[in-house]
Amino acid sequence: MVYLPSITEIERLHHKYAPNDIVYDLVYRHCQIVSDIASWCAENSQQKLDMDLLKKACLLHDIGSYAFFDANGQNLNERLYPQHAILGSKILQDEGIDSRLTDIVETHVLLGLTKSEIINTPWYLPERDYVPSSIEGELLCYADRFHSKHPTFNSYTTFLNGLKKDLPLQAQKFELWSSRFGIPDIATFALKYGHPIR
């Protein structure tokens, strides 16, 4: 059976794959924050999309990241961490989740990576395109850039400047998408969740 899970089922899946409550709280809270930001961007853009799919994809997008954290929530391998998107998609496929959602999860690294970017950077990913094919996927990618599991929020300017330095093609896409989806008021989200802004 292929399906979109309920919020209760999403929480169950996170508990199933999290090594403990510390890491569950770190990852699931990040997913909730990304969902909030993506919802704001979706409403701001006023484009036609599936809000239920978007929210559930956001809440599940880092399900594959648990394999990369130790019991204290420290990343075990930064170099291979981008593979969490592929692993998360595979986990969700095995759980019977709708392919629309698993495809979104698989392509959420940065703003989507092309085969050329993977070869030239390198990203330690299979050499093929991982580019979102839906507006829901684009919104997840965009919203995810504003928060990290350190846990901190990224201001638009700070994140953009980092991209300009190291990944100019991603910087161009980030600027383009900011005009489509808007620049969220990160200070409001930071106040709500109590995480600092960098």
N, C-alpha and C. Protein backbone atom coordinates (compact mmCIF):
# COMPACT_ATOMS: atom_id res chain seq x y z
N MET A 1 0.84 -1.20 0.00
CA MET A 1 0.00 0.00 0.00
C MET A 1 0.88 1.26 0.00
N VAL A 2 0.64 2.15 -0.93
CA VAL A 2 1.38 3.41 -1.01
C VAL A 2 0.48 4.51 -0.43
N TYR A 3 1.02 5.32 0.47
CA TYR A 3 0.18 6.29 1.16
C TYR A 3 0.97 7.49 1.65
N LEU A 4 0.24 8.54 2.03
CA LEU A 4 0.82 9.66 2.75
C LEU A 4 0.50 9.46 4.23
N PRO A 5 1.50 9.44 5.09
CA PRO A 5 1.26 9.14 6.51
C PRO A 5 0.60 10.30 7.24
N SER A 6 -0.07 9.97 8.34
CA SER A 6 -0.62 10.99 9.24
C SER A 6 0.51 11.56 10.08
N ILE A 7 0.24 12.63 10.80
CA ILE A 7 1.25 13.22 11.69
C ILE A 7 1.68 12.22 12.75
N THR A 8 0.71 11.46 13.30
CA THR A 8 1.04 10.42 14.29
C THR A 8 1.97 9.38 13.70
N GLU A 9 1.71 8.98 12.47
CA GLU A 9 2.57 8.00 11.80
C GLU A 9 3.95 8.58 11.50
N ILE A 10 4.01 9.86 11.16
CA ILE A 10 5.30 10.51 10.92
C ILE A 10 6.13 10.51 12.20
N GLU A 11 5.51 10.83 13.32
CA GLU A 11 6.23 10.81 14.60
C GLU A 11 6.70 9.40 14.93
N ARG A 12 5.85 8.40 14.64
CA ARG A 12 6.23 7.00 14.88
C ARG A 12 7.46 6.63 14.05
N LEU A 13 7.47 7.04 12.80
CA LEU A 13 8.62 6.74 11.94
C LEU A 13 9.90 7.38 12.47
N HIS A 14 9.80 8.62 12.93
CA HIS A 14 10.98 9.27 13.51
C HIS A 14 11.47 8.50 14.74
N HIS A 15 10.55 8.08 15.60
CA HIS A 15 10.96 7.32 16.79
C HIS A 15 11.57 5.97 16.39
N LYS A 16 11.06 5.38 15.35
CA LYS A 16 11.57 4.08 14.88
C LYS A 16 13.03 4.17 14.47
N TYR A 17 13.41 5.26 13.80
CA TYR A 17 14.77 5.36 13.25
C TYR A 17 15.73 6.17 14.11
N ALA A 18 15.21 6.95 15.06
CA ALA A 18 16.09 7.74 15.94
C ALA A 18 16.78 6.82 16.94
N PRO A 19 18.07 7.04 17.20
CA PRO A 19 18.77 6.19 18.17
C PRO A 19 18.33 6.43 19.61
N ASN A 20 17.84 7.63 19.89
CA ASN A 20 17.36 7.96 21.24
C ASN A 20 16.54 9.25 21.18
N ASP A 21 16.01 9.65 22.34
CA ASP A 21 15.15 10.85 22.38
C ASP A 21 15.92 12.14 22.11
N ILE A 22 17.21 12.18 22.47
CA ILE A 22 18.01 13.39 22.23
C ILE A 22 18.09 13.68 20.73
N VAL A 23 18.42 12.66 19.96
CA VAL A 23 18.58 12.84 18.52
C VAL A 23 17.21 13.00 17.85
N TYR A 24 16.20 12.30 18.37
CA TYR A 24 14.84 12.48 17.86
C TYR A 24 14.44 13.95 17.99
N ASP A 25 14.64 14.52 19.18
CA ASP A 25 14.25 15.93 19.41
C ASP A 25 15.00 16.87 18.48
N LEU A 26 16.28 16.62 18.26
CA LEU A 26 17.10 17.46 17.39
C LEU A 26 16.58 17.44 15.96
N VAL A 27 16.36 16.23 15.42
CA VAL A 27 15.98 16.09 14.02
C VAL A 27 14.52 16.45 13.81
N TYR A 28 13.64 15.96 14.67
CA TYR A 28 12.22 16.22 14.44
C TYR A 28 11.87 17.69 14.63
N ARG A 29 12.51 18.35 15.60
CA ARG A 29 12.26 19.78 15.78
C ARG A 29 12.72 20.56 14.53
N HIS A 30 13.88 20.18 14.00
CA HIS A 30 14.35 20.80 12.75
C HIS A 30 13.31 20.62 11.64
N CYS A 31 12.78 19.42 11.51
CA CYS A 31 11.78 19.15 10.47
C CYS A 31 10.52 20.00 10.67
N GLN A 32 10.10 20.17 11.93
CA GLN A 32 8.94 21.02 12.22
C GLN A 32 9.21 22.47 11.83
N ILE A 33 10.41 22.94 12.13
CA ILE A 33 10.78 24.32 11.80
C ILE A 33 10.78 24.51 10.28
N VAL A 34 11.37 23.58 9.57
CA VAL A 34 11.40 23.66 8.11
C VAL A 34 9.97 23.64 7.55
N SER A 35 9.11 22.85 8.14
CA SER A 35 7.70 22.81 7.71
C SER A 35 7.03 24.16 7.92
N ASP A 36 7.30 24.80 9.05
CA ASP A 36 6.74 26.13 9.32
C ASP A 36 7.23 27.16 8.29
N ILE A 37 8.53 27.13 8.02
CA ILE A 37 9.09 28.08 7.06
C ILE A 37 8.55 27.82 5.66
N ALA A 38 8.48 26.56 5.27
CA ALA A 38 7.97 26.20 3.94
C ALA A 38 6.50 26.61 3.79
N SER A 39 5.72 26.45 4.86
CA SER A 39 4.31 26.85 4.81
C SER A 39 4.19 28.36 4.62
N TRP A 40 5.04 29.11 5.33
CA TRP A 40 5.05 30.57 5.16
C TRP A 40 5.38 30.92 3.71
N CYS A 41 6.42 30.28 3.16
CA CYS A 41 6.83 30.57 1.79
C CYS A 41 5.75 30.19 0.78
N ALA A 42 5.07 29.08 1.03
CA ALA A 42 4.00 28.63 0.13
C ALA A 42 2.86 29.64 0.12
N GLU A 43 2.48 30.11 1.30
CA GLU A 43 1.40 31.10 1.39
C GLU A 43 1.83 32.41 0.75
N ASN A 44 3.09 32.79 0.94
CA ASN A 44 3.60 34.03 0.38
C ASN A 44 3.65 33.98 -1.14
N SER A 45 3.98 32.82 -1.69
CA SER A 45 4.13 32.71 -3.14
C SER A 45 2.79 32.68 -3.87
N GLN A 46 1.75 32.23 -3.16
CA GLN A 46 0.39 32.15 -3.72
C GLN A 46 0.35 31.29 -4.99
N GLN A 47 1.24 30.30 -5.06
CA GLN A 47 1.22 29.37 -6.18
C GLN A 47 0.39 28.15 -5.82
N LYS A 48 -0.17 27.52 -6.81
CA LYS A 48 -0.99 26.32 -6.57
C LYS A 48 -0.08 25.15 -6.22
N LEU A 49 -0.35 24.52 -5.07
CA LEU A 49 0.45 23.37 -4.66
C LEU A 49 -0.33 22.54 -3.65
N ASP A 50 0.22 21.38 -3.33
CA ASP A 50 -0.40 20.46 -2.38
C ASP A 50 0.22 20.70 -1.01
N MET A 51 -0.49 21.45 -0.17
CA MET A 51 0.04 21.82 1.15
C MET A 51 0.23 20.60 2.05
N ASP A 52 -0.66 19.62 1.94
CA ASP A 52 -0.53 18.42 2.77
C ASP A 52 0.75 17.67 2.40
N LEU A 53 1.00 17.51 1.12
CA LEU A 53 2.22 16.85 0.66
C LEU A 53 3.45 17.64 1.11
N LEU A 54 3.42 18.96 0.97
CA LEU A 54 4.55 19.80 1.36
C LEU A 54 4.87 19.62 2.84
N LYS A 55 3.86 19.74 3.70
CA LYS A 55 4.09 19.65 5.14
C LYS A 55 4.63 18.29 5.54
N LYS A 56 4.08 17.23 4.95
CA LYS A 56 4.53 15.89 5.32
C LYS A 56 5.92 15.59 4.78
N ALA A 57 6.24 16.11 3.60
CA ALA A 57 7.60 15.96 3.08
C ALA A 57 8.59 16.69 3.98
N CYS A 58 8.24 17.88 4.43
CA CYS A 58 9.11 18.63 5.34
C CYS A 58 9.32 17.86 6.65
N LEU A 59 8.25 17.30 7.18
CA LEU A 59 8.35 16.59 8.45
C LEU A 59 9.15 15.29 8.34
N LEU A 60 9.30 14.76 7.13
CA LEU A 60 10.03 13.51 6.94
C LEU A 60 11.35 13.68 6.21
N HIS A 61 11.70 14.90 5.82
CA HIS A 61 12.83 15.05 4.89
C HIS A 61 14.16 14.59 5.46
N ASP A 62 14.33 14.61 6.78
CA ASP A 62 15.61 14.21 7.36
C ASP A 62 15.55 12.86 8.09
N ILE A 63 14.59 12.03 7.74
CA ILE A 63 14.48 10.71 8.36
C ILE A 63 15.75 9.89 8.16
N GLY A 64 16.46 10.13 7.06
CA GLY A 64 17.70 9.41 6.80
C GLY A 64 18.90 9.94 7.54
N SER A 65 18.75 11.05 8.24
CA SER A 65 19.92 11.66 8.90
C SER A 65 20.28 10.96 10.20
N TYR A 66 19.36 10.19 10.78
CA TYR A 66 19.66 9.53 12.05
C TYR A 66 20.90 8.65 11.98
N ALA A 67 21.13 8.03 10.84
CA ALA A 67 22.29 7.15 10.68
C ALA A 67 23.62 7.90 10.77
N PHE A 68 23.58 9.22 10.69
CA PHE A 68 24.80 10.01 10.67
C PHE A 68 25.09 10.71 12.00
N PHE A 69 24.26 10.45 13.02
CA PHE A 69 24.45 11.10 14.32
C PHE A 69 24.81 10.08 15.39
N ASP A 70 25.68 10.51 16.32
CA ASP A 70 25.94 9.67 17.49
C ASP A 70 24.84 9.90 18.53
N ALA A 71 24.96 9.25 19.66
CA ALA A 71 23.91 9.31 20.68
C ALA A 71 23.72 10.71 21.27
N ASN A 72 24.73 11.58 21.10
CA ASN A 72 24.62 12.95 21.62
C ASN A 72 24.21 13.96 20.56
N GLY A 73 23.90 13.48 19.35
CA GLY A 73 23.47 14.38 18.29
C GLY A 73 24.61 15.02 17.53
N GLN A 74 25.81 14.45 17.62
CA GLN A 74 26.96 14.96 16.88
C GLN A 74 27.07 14.22 15.55
N ASN A 75 27.34 14.96 14.48
CA ASN A 75 27.45 14.36 13.16
C ASN A 75 28.70 13.49 13.09
N LEU A 76 28.52 12.24 12.65
CA LEU A 76 29.62 11.29 12.59
C LEU A 76 30.46 11.40 11.33
N ASN A 77 29.88 11.96 10.26
CA ASN A 77 30.61 12.01 8.99
C ASN A 77 30.05 13.12 8.11
N GLU A 78 30.59 14.32 8.24
CA GLU A 78 30.12 15.48 7.45
C GLU A 78 30.27 15.24 5.96
N ARG A 79 31.34 14.57 5.58
CA ARG A 79 31.64 14.37 4.15
C ARG A 79 30.55 13.54 3.47
N LEU A 80 30.07 12.51 4.16
CA LEU A 80 29.06 11.63 3.58
C LEU A 80 27.63 12.04 3.92
N TYR A 81 27.48 13.08 4.74
CA TYR A 81 26.14 13.46 5.21
C TYR A 81 25.13 13.73 4.09
N PRO A 82 25.52 14.31 2.94
CA PRO A 82 24.52 14.51 1.89
C PRO A 82 23.79 13.24 1.45
N GLN A 83 24.37 12.08 1.74
CA GLN A 83 23.73 10.83 1.39
C GLN A 83 22.48 10.55 2.23
N HIS A 84 22.27 11.35 3.28
CA HIS A 84 21.08 11.13 4.11
C HIS A 84 19.79 11.31 3.31
N ALA A 85 19.84 12.11 2.24
CA ALA A 85 18.64 12.32 1.42
C ALA A 85 18.28 11.04 0.66
N ILE A 86 19.30 10.37 0.11
CA ILE A 86 19.07 9.11 -0.60
C ILE A 86 18.59 8.04 0.38
N LEU A 87 19.27 7.95 1.53
CA LEU A 87 18.89 6.96 2.53
C LEU A 87 17.46 7.20 3.03
N GLY A 88 17.13 8.47 3.28
CA GLY A 88 15.78 8.79 3.75
C GLY A 88 14.73 8.41 2.74
N SER A 89 14.99 8.67 1.48
CA SER A 89 14.04 8.30 0.43
C SER A 89 13.85 6.79 0.39
N LYS A 90 14.95 6.03 0.51
CA LYS A 90 14.88 4.57 0.50
C LYS A 90 14.10 4.05 1.70
N ILE A 91 14.36 4.61 2.88
CA ILE A 91 13.62 4.22 4.08
C ILE A 91 12.12 4.40 3.86
N LEU A 92 11.75 5.56 3.35
CA LEU A 92 10.34 5.87 3.16
C LEU A 92 9.71 5.00 2.07
N GLN A 93 10.47 4.69 1.03
CA GLN A 93 9.98 3.75 0.01
C GLN A 93 9.68 2.40 0.65
N ASP A 94 10.61 1.92 1.49
CA ASP A 94 10.43 0.63 2.15
C ASP A 94 9.25 0.65 3.13
N GLU A 95 8.92 1.84 3.64
CA GLU A 95 7.78 1.99 4.55
C GLU A 95 6.46 2.14 3.79
N GLY A 96 6.51 2.17 2.45
CA GLY A 96 5.30 2.25 1.65
C GLY A 96 4.79 3.66 1.42
N ILE A 97 5.65 4.65 1.61
CA ILE A 97 5.24 6.05 1.46
C ILE A 97 5.14 6.41 -0.03
N ASP A 98 4.18 7.25 -0.34
CA ASP A 98 3.91 7.73 -1.70
C ASP A 98 5.19 8.24 -2.37
N SER A 99 5.42 7.85 -3.63
CA SER A 99 6.63 8.23 -4.36
C SER A 99 6.74 9.74 -4.57
N ARG A 100 5.62 10.46 -4.57
CA ARG A 100 5.71 11.91 -4.68
C ARG A 100 6.51 12.47 -3.52
N LEU A 101 6.31 11.90 -2.33
CA LEU A 101 7.01 12.36 -1.14
C LEU A 101 8.45 11.85 -1.12
N THR A 102 8.66 10.59 -1.47
CA THR A 102 10.02 10.05 -1.44
C THR A 102 10.93 10.74 -2.45
N ASP A 103 10.36 11.13 -3.60
CA ASP A 103 11.15 11.88 -4.59
C ASP A 103 11.56 13.24 -4.06
N ILE A 104 10.67 13.89 -3.33
CA ILE A 104 10.98 15.20 -2.73
C ILE A 104 12.12 15.05 -1.72
N VAL A 105 12.05 14.01 -0.88
CA VAL A 105 13.09 13.78 0.12
C VAL A 105 14.44 13.52 -0.55
N GLU A 106 14.45 12.74 -1.61
CA GLU A 106 15.70 12.37 -2.28
C GLU A 106 16.44 13.56 -2.87
N THR A 107 15.71 14.60 -3.23
CA THR A 107 16.32 15.73 -3.95
C THR A 107 16.46 17.00 -3.11
N HIS A 108 16.47 16.88 -1.77
CA HIS A 108 16.44 18.10 -0.96
C HIS A 108 17.81 18.63 -0.54
N VAL A 109 18.90 18.05 -0.99
CA VAL A 109 20.22 18.58 -0.63
C VAL A 109 20.44 19.92 -1.33
N LEU A 110 20.82 20.92 -0.53
CA LEU A 110 20.92 22.30 -0.99
C LEU A 110 19.64 22.68 -1.75
N LEU A 111 19.78 23.22 -2.96
CA LEU A 111 18.59 23.57 -3.74
C LEU A 111 18.42 22.58 -4.90
N GLY A 112 18.84 21.36 -4.63
CA GLY A 112 18.90 20.34 -5.67
C GLY A 112 20.25 20.41 -6.34
N LEU A 113 20.84 19.26 -6.60
CA LEU A 113 22.17 19.20 -7.20
C LEU A 113 22.10 18.52 -8.56
N THR A 114 22.80 19.09 -9.52
CA THR A 114 22.89 18.47 -10.84
C THR A 114 24.07 17.50 -10.87
N LYS A 115 24.07 16.63 -11.85
CA LYS A 115 25.18 15.70 -12.03
C LYS A 115 26.49 16.45 -12.15
N SER A 116 26.49 17.54 -12.90
CA SER A 116 27.69 18.34 -13.08
C SER A 116 28.20 18.91 -11.76
N GLU A 117 27.31 19.42 -10.93
CA GLU A 117 27.71 19.95 -9.62
C GLU A 117 28.31 18.85 -8.75
N ILE A 118 27.71 17.67 -8.80
CA ILE A 118 28.20 16.55 -7.99
C ILE A 118 29.60 16.14 -8.42
N ILE A 119 29.84 16.10 -9.72
CA ILE A 119 31.15 15.72 -10.24
C ILE A 119 32.20 16.78 -9.91
N ASN A 120 31.85 18.05 -10.05
CA ASN A 120 32.82 19.13 -9.93
C ASN A 120 33.11 19.59 -8.50
N THR A 121 32.26 19.22 -7.51
CA THR A 121 32.49 19.79 -6.18
C THR A 121 33.49 19.04 -5.31
N PRO A 122 33.52 17.79 -5.07
CA PRO A 122 32.55 16.72 -5.27
C PRO A 122 31.65 16.57 -4.04
N TRP A 123 30.51 15.95 -4.23
CA TRP A 123 29.51 15.81 -3.16
C TRP A 123 29.41 14.41 -2.59
N TYR A 124 30.20 13.46 -3.06
CA TYR A 124 30.14 12.09 -2.57
C TYR A 124 28.73 11.52 -2.67
N LEU A 125 28.12 11.81 -3.82
CA LEU A 125 26.81 11.27 -4.17
C LEU A 125 26.95 10.56 -5.52
N PRO A 126 26.07 9.62 -5.82
CA PRO A 126 26.08 9.03 -7.17
C PRO A 126 25.98 10.13 -8.22
N GLU A 127 26.68 9.97 -9.30
CA GLU A 127 26.78 11.03 -10.31
C GLU A 127 25.55 11.04 -11.21
N ARG A 128 24.51 11.69 -10.72
CA ARG A 128 23.27 11.91 -11.47
C ARG A 128 22.58 13.13 -10.91
N ASP A 129 21.53 13.57 -11.57
CA ASP A 129 20.80 14.75 -11.10
C ASP A 129 19.94 14.41 -9.87
N TYR A 130 20.00 15.28 -8.88
CA TYR A 130 19.10 15.24 -7.72
C TYR A 130 18.45 16.62 -7.65
N VAL A 131 17.54 16.85 -8.56
CA VAL A 131 16.90 18.16 -8.70
C VAL A 131 15.40 18.00 -8.48
N PRO A 132 14.81 18.81 -7.59
CA PRO A 132 13.37 18.66 -7.35
C PRO A 132 12.55 18.87 -8.61
N SER A 133 11.52 18.05 -8.77
CA SER A 133 10.68 18.11 -9.97
C SER A 133 9.29 18.68 -9.69
N SER A 134 9.10 19.19 -8.47
CA SER A 134 7.80 19.76 -8.09
C SER A 134 8.01 21.03 -7.30
N ILE A 135 6.99 21.86 -7.24
CA ILE A 135 7.09 23.08 -6.43
C ILE A 135 7.22 22.73 -4.95
N GLU A 136 6.58 21.63 -4.54
CA GLU A 136 6.72 21.20 -3.14
C GLU A 136 8.17 20.86 -2.82
N GLY A 137 8.85 20.20 -3.77
CA GLY A 137 10.26 19.89 -3.58
C GLY A 137 11.13 21.12 -3.54
N GLU A 138 10.83 22.09 -4.40
CA GLU A 138 11.59 23.34 -4.39
C GLU A 138 11.40 24.09 -3.08
N LEU A 139 10.17 24.13 -2.60
CA LEU A 139 9.89 24.83 -1.35
C LEU A 139 10.61 24.17 -0.17
N LEU A 140 10.65 22.83 -0.14
CA LEU A 140 11.40 22.16 0.92
C LEU A 140 12.87 22.55 0.86
N CYS A 141 13.47 22.46 -0.32
CA CYS A 141 14.89 22.84 -0.47
C CYS A 141 15.13 24.25 0.04
N TYR A 142 14.29 25.17 -0.38
CA TYR A 142 14.46 26.58 -0.03
C TYR A 142 14.30 26.80 1.48
N ALA A 143 13.23 26.27 2.05
CA ALA A 143 12.97 26.47 3.48
C ALA A 143 14.06 25.83 4.34
N ASP A 144 14.58 24.70 3.91
CA ASP A 144 15.60 23.97 4.66
C ASP A 144 16.89 24.75 4.81
N ARG A 145 17.13 25.68 3.91
CA ARG A 145 18.36 26.48 3.97
C ARG A 145 18.36 27.48 5.12
N PHE A 146 17.20 27.74 5.70
CA PHE A 146 17.10 28.76 6.74
C PHE A 146 17.27 28.21 8.15
N HIS A 147 17.47 26.89 8.29
CA HIS A 147 17.66 26.33 9.63
C HIS A 147 18.58 25.12 9.53
N SER A 148 19.44 24.96 10.52
CA SER A 148 20.31 23.79 10.57
C SER A 148 20.12 23.10 11.91
N LYS A 149 20.57 21.86 11.98
CA LYS A 149 20.37 21.08 13.20
C LYS A 149 21.44 21.35 14.26
N HIS A 150 22.13 22.49 14.18
CA HIS A 150 23.17 22.79 15.18
C HIS A 150 22.63 23.05 16.60
N PRO A 151 21.47 23.58 16.90
CA PRO A 151 20.45 24.13 16.01
C PRO A 151 20.55 25.66 15.92
N THR A 152 20.58 26.16 14.71
CA THR A 152 20.61 27.60 14.47
C THR A 152 19.80 27.94 13.23
N PHE A 153 19.34 29.17 13.20
CA PHE A 153 18.71 29.70 11.99
C PHE A 153 19.78 30.39 11.15
N ASN A 154 19.58 30.38 9.85
CA ASN A 154 20.46 31.10 8.92
C ASN A 154 19.70 32.31 8.39
N SER A 155 20.29 33.48 8.50
CA SER A 155 19.67 34.63 7.86
C SER A 155 19.85 34.48 6.36
N TYR A 156 19.00 35.14 5.61
CA TYR A 156 19.08 35.09 4.15
C TYR A 156 20.46 35.56 3.68
N THR A 157 20.92 36.67 4.21
CA THR A 157 22.19 37.26 3.78
C THR A 157 23.38 36.36 4.12
N THR A 158 23.39 35.82 5.32
CA THR A 158 24.50 34.95 5.72
C THR A 158 24.58 33.72 4.83
N PHE A 159 23.43 33.09 4.59
CA PHE A 159 23.45 31.89 3.77
C PHE A 159 23.83 32.21 2.33
N LEU A 160 23.26 33.28 1.79
CA LEU A 160 23.57 33.66 0.41
C LEU A 160 25.05 33.97 0.25
N ASN A 161 25.65 34.69 1.19
CA ASN A 161 27.06 35.02 1.09
C ASN A 161 27.94 33.77 1.12
N GLY A 162 27.54 32.78 1.93
CA GLY A 162 28.27 31.52 1.95
C GLY A 162 28.21 30.80 0.62
N LEU A 163 27.04 30.81 0.00
CA LEU A 163 26.89 30.19 -1.31
C LEU A 163 27.70 30.92 -2.37
N LYS A 164 27.69 32.25 -2.33
CA LYS A 164 28.43 33.02 -3.32
C LYS A 164 29.92 32.70 -3.28
N LYS A 165 30.42 32.44 -2.09
CA LYS A 165 31.83 32.16 -1.92
C LYS A 165 32.20 30.79 -2.50
N ASP A 166 31.37 29.79 -2.22
CA ASP A 166 31.75 28.41 -2.55
C ASP A 166 30.94 27.77 -3.68
N LEU A 167 29.68 28.20 -3.84
CA LEU A 167 28.78 27.53 -4.78
C LEU A 167 27.97 28.57 -5.55
N PRO A 168 28.59 29.26 -6.50
CA PRO A 168 27.91 30.38 -7.18
C PRO A 168 26.63 29.99 -7.93
N LEU A 169 26.57 28.78 -8.48
CA LEU A 169 25.33 28.37 -9.16
C LEU A 169 24.19 28.20 -8.18
N GLN A 170 24.50 27.67 -7.00
CA GLN A 170 23.49 27.55 -5.95
C GLN A 170 23.07 28.94 -5.46
N ALA A 171 24.01 29.86 -5.39
CA ALA A 171 23.69 31.23 -4.98
C ALA A 171 22.71 31.89 -5.94
N GLN A 172 22.94 31.69 -7.23
CA GLN A 172 22.01 32.24 -8.23
C GLN A 172 20.61 31.68 -8.06
N LYS A 173 20.54 30.37 -7.82
CA LYS A 173 19.23 29.72 -7.64
C LYS A 173 18.56 30.23 -6.36
N PHE A 174 19.33 30.39 -5.30
CA PHE A 174 18.79 30.88 -4.03
C PHE A 174 18.20 32.27 -4.19
N GLU A 175 18.90 33.14 -4.90
CA GLU A 175 18.38 34.49 -5.15
C GLU A 175 17.11 34.44 -5.99
N LEU A 176 17.11 33.60 -7.02
CA LEU A 176 15.93 33.46 -7.87
C LEU A 176 14.73 32.96 -7.08
N TRP A 177 14.96 31.95 -6.28
CA TRP A 177 13.85 31.39 -5.50
C TRP A 177 13.36 32.35 -4.42
N SER A 178 14.25 33.20 -3.92
CA SER A 178 13.81 34.18 -2.92
C SER A 178 12.80 35.14 -3.53
N SER A 179 12.94 35.43 -4.82
CA SER A 179 11.98 36.31 -5.48
C SER A 179 10.66 35.58 -5.73
N ARG A 180 10.70 34.27 -5.85
CA ARG A 180 9.48 33.48 -6.05
C ARG A 180 8.75 33.20 -4.74
N PHE A 181 9.51 32.87 -3.70
CA PHE A 181 8.91 32.40 -2.45
C PHE A 181 8.97 33.41 -1.31
N GLY A 182 9.73 34.49 -1.49
CA GLY A 182 9.86 35.49 -0.45
C GLY A 182 10.99 35.16 0.52
N ILE A 183 11.35 36.13 1.32
CA ILE A 183 12.37 35.93 2.35
C ILE A 183 11.67 35.91 3.70
N PRO A 184 11.64 34.74 4.34
CA PRO A 184 10.90 34.64 5.60
C PRO A 184 11.52 35.49 6.70
N ASP A 185 10.68 35.93 7.62
CA ASP A 185 11.13 36.72 8.77
C ASP A 185 11.73 35.75 9.79
N ILE A 186 13.02 35.48 9.64
CA ILE A 186 13.68 34.49 10.47
C ILE A 186 13.68 34.89 11.94
N ALA A 187 13.69 36.18 12.23
CA ALA A 187 13.67 36.62 13.63
C ALA A 187 12.41 36.12 14.34
N THR A 188 11.29 36.11 13.64
CA THR A 188 10.04 35.63 14.24
C THR A 188 10.12 34.14 14.54
N PHE A 189 10.66 33.37 13.60
CA PHE A 189 10.81 31.93 13.83
C PHE A 189 11.82 31.66 14.95
N ALA A 190 12.90 32.43 14.98
CA ALA A 190 13.92 32.24 16.03
C ALA A 190 13.33 32.52 17.40
N LEU A 191 12.48 33.53 17.50
CA LEU A 191 11.82 33.84 18.77
C LEU A 191 10.89 32.70 19.17
N LYS A 192 10.15 32.17 18.22
CA LYS A 192 9.21 31.09 18.49
C LYS A 192 9.92 29.84 19.01
N TYR A 193 11.05 29.50 18.40
CA TYR A 193 11.73 28.25 18.74
C TYR A 193 12.92 28.40 19.67
N GLY A 194 13.36 29.63 19.92
CA GLY A 194 14.45 29.86 20.85
C GLY A 194 15.82 29.45 20.35
N HIS A 195 16.02 29.47 19.03
CA HIS A 195 17.33 29.15 18.44
C HIS A 195 17.97 30.43 17.94
N PRO A 196 19.29 30.53 18.05
CA PRO A 196 19.98 31.75 17.59
C PRO A 196 20.00 31.85 16.07
N ILE A 197 20.30 33.06 15.59
CA ILE A 197 20.43 33.32 14.14
C ILE A 197 21.89 33.60 13.85
N ARG A 198 22.38 33.02 12.78
CA ARG A 198 23.76 33.35 12.37
C ARG A 198 23.72 34.15 11.08
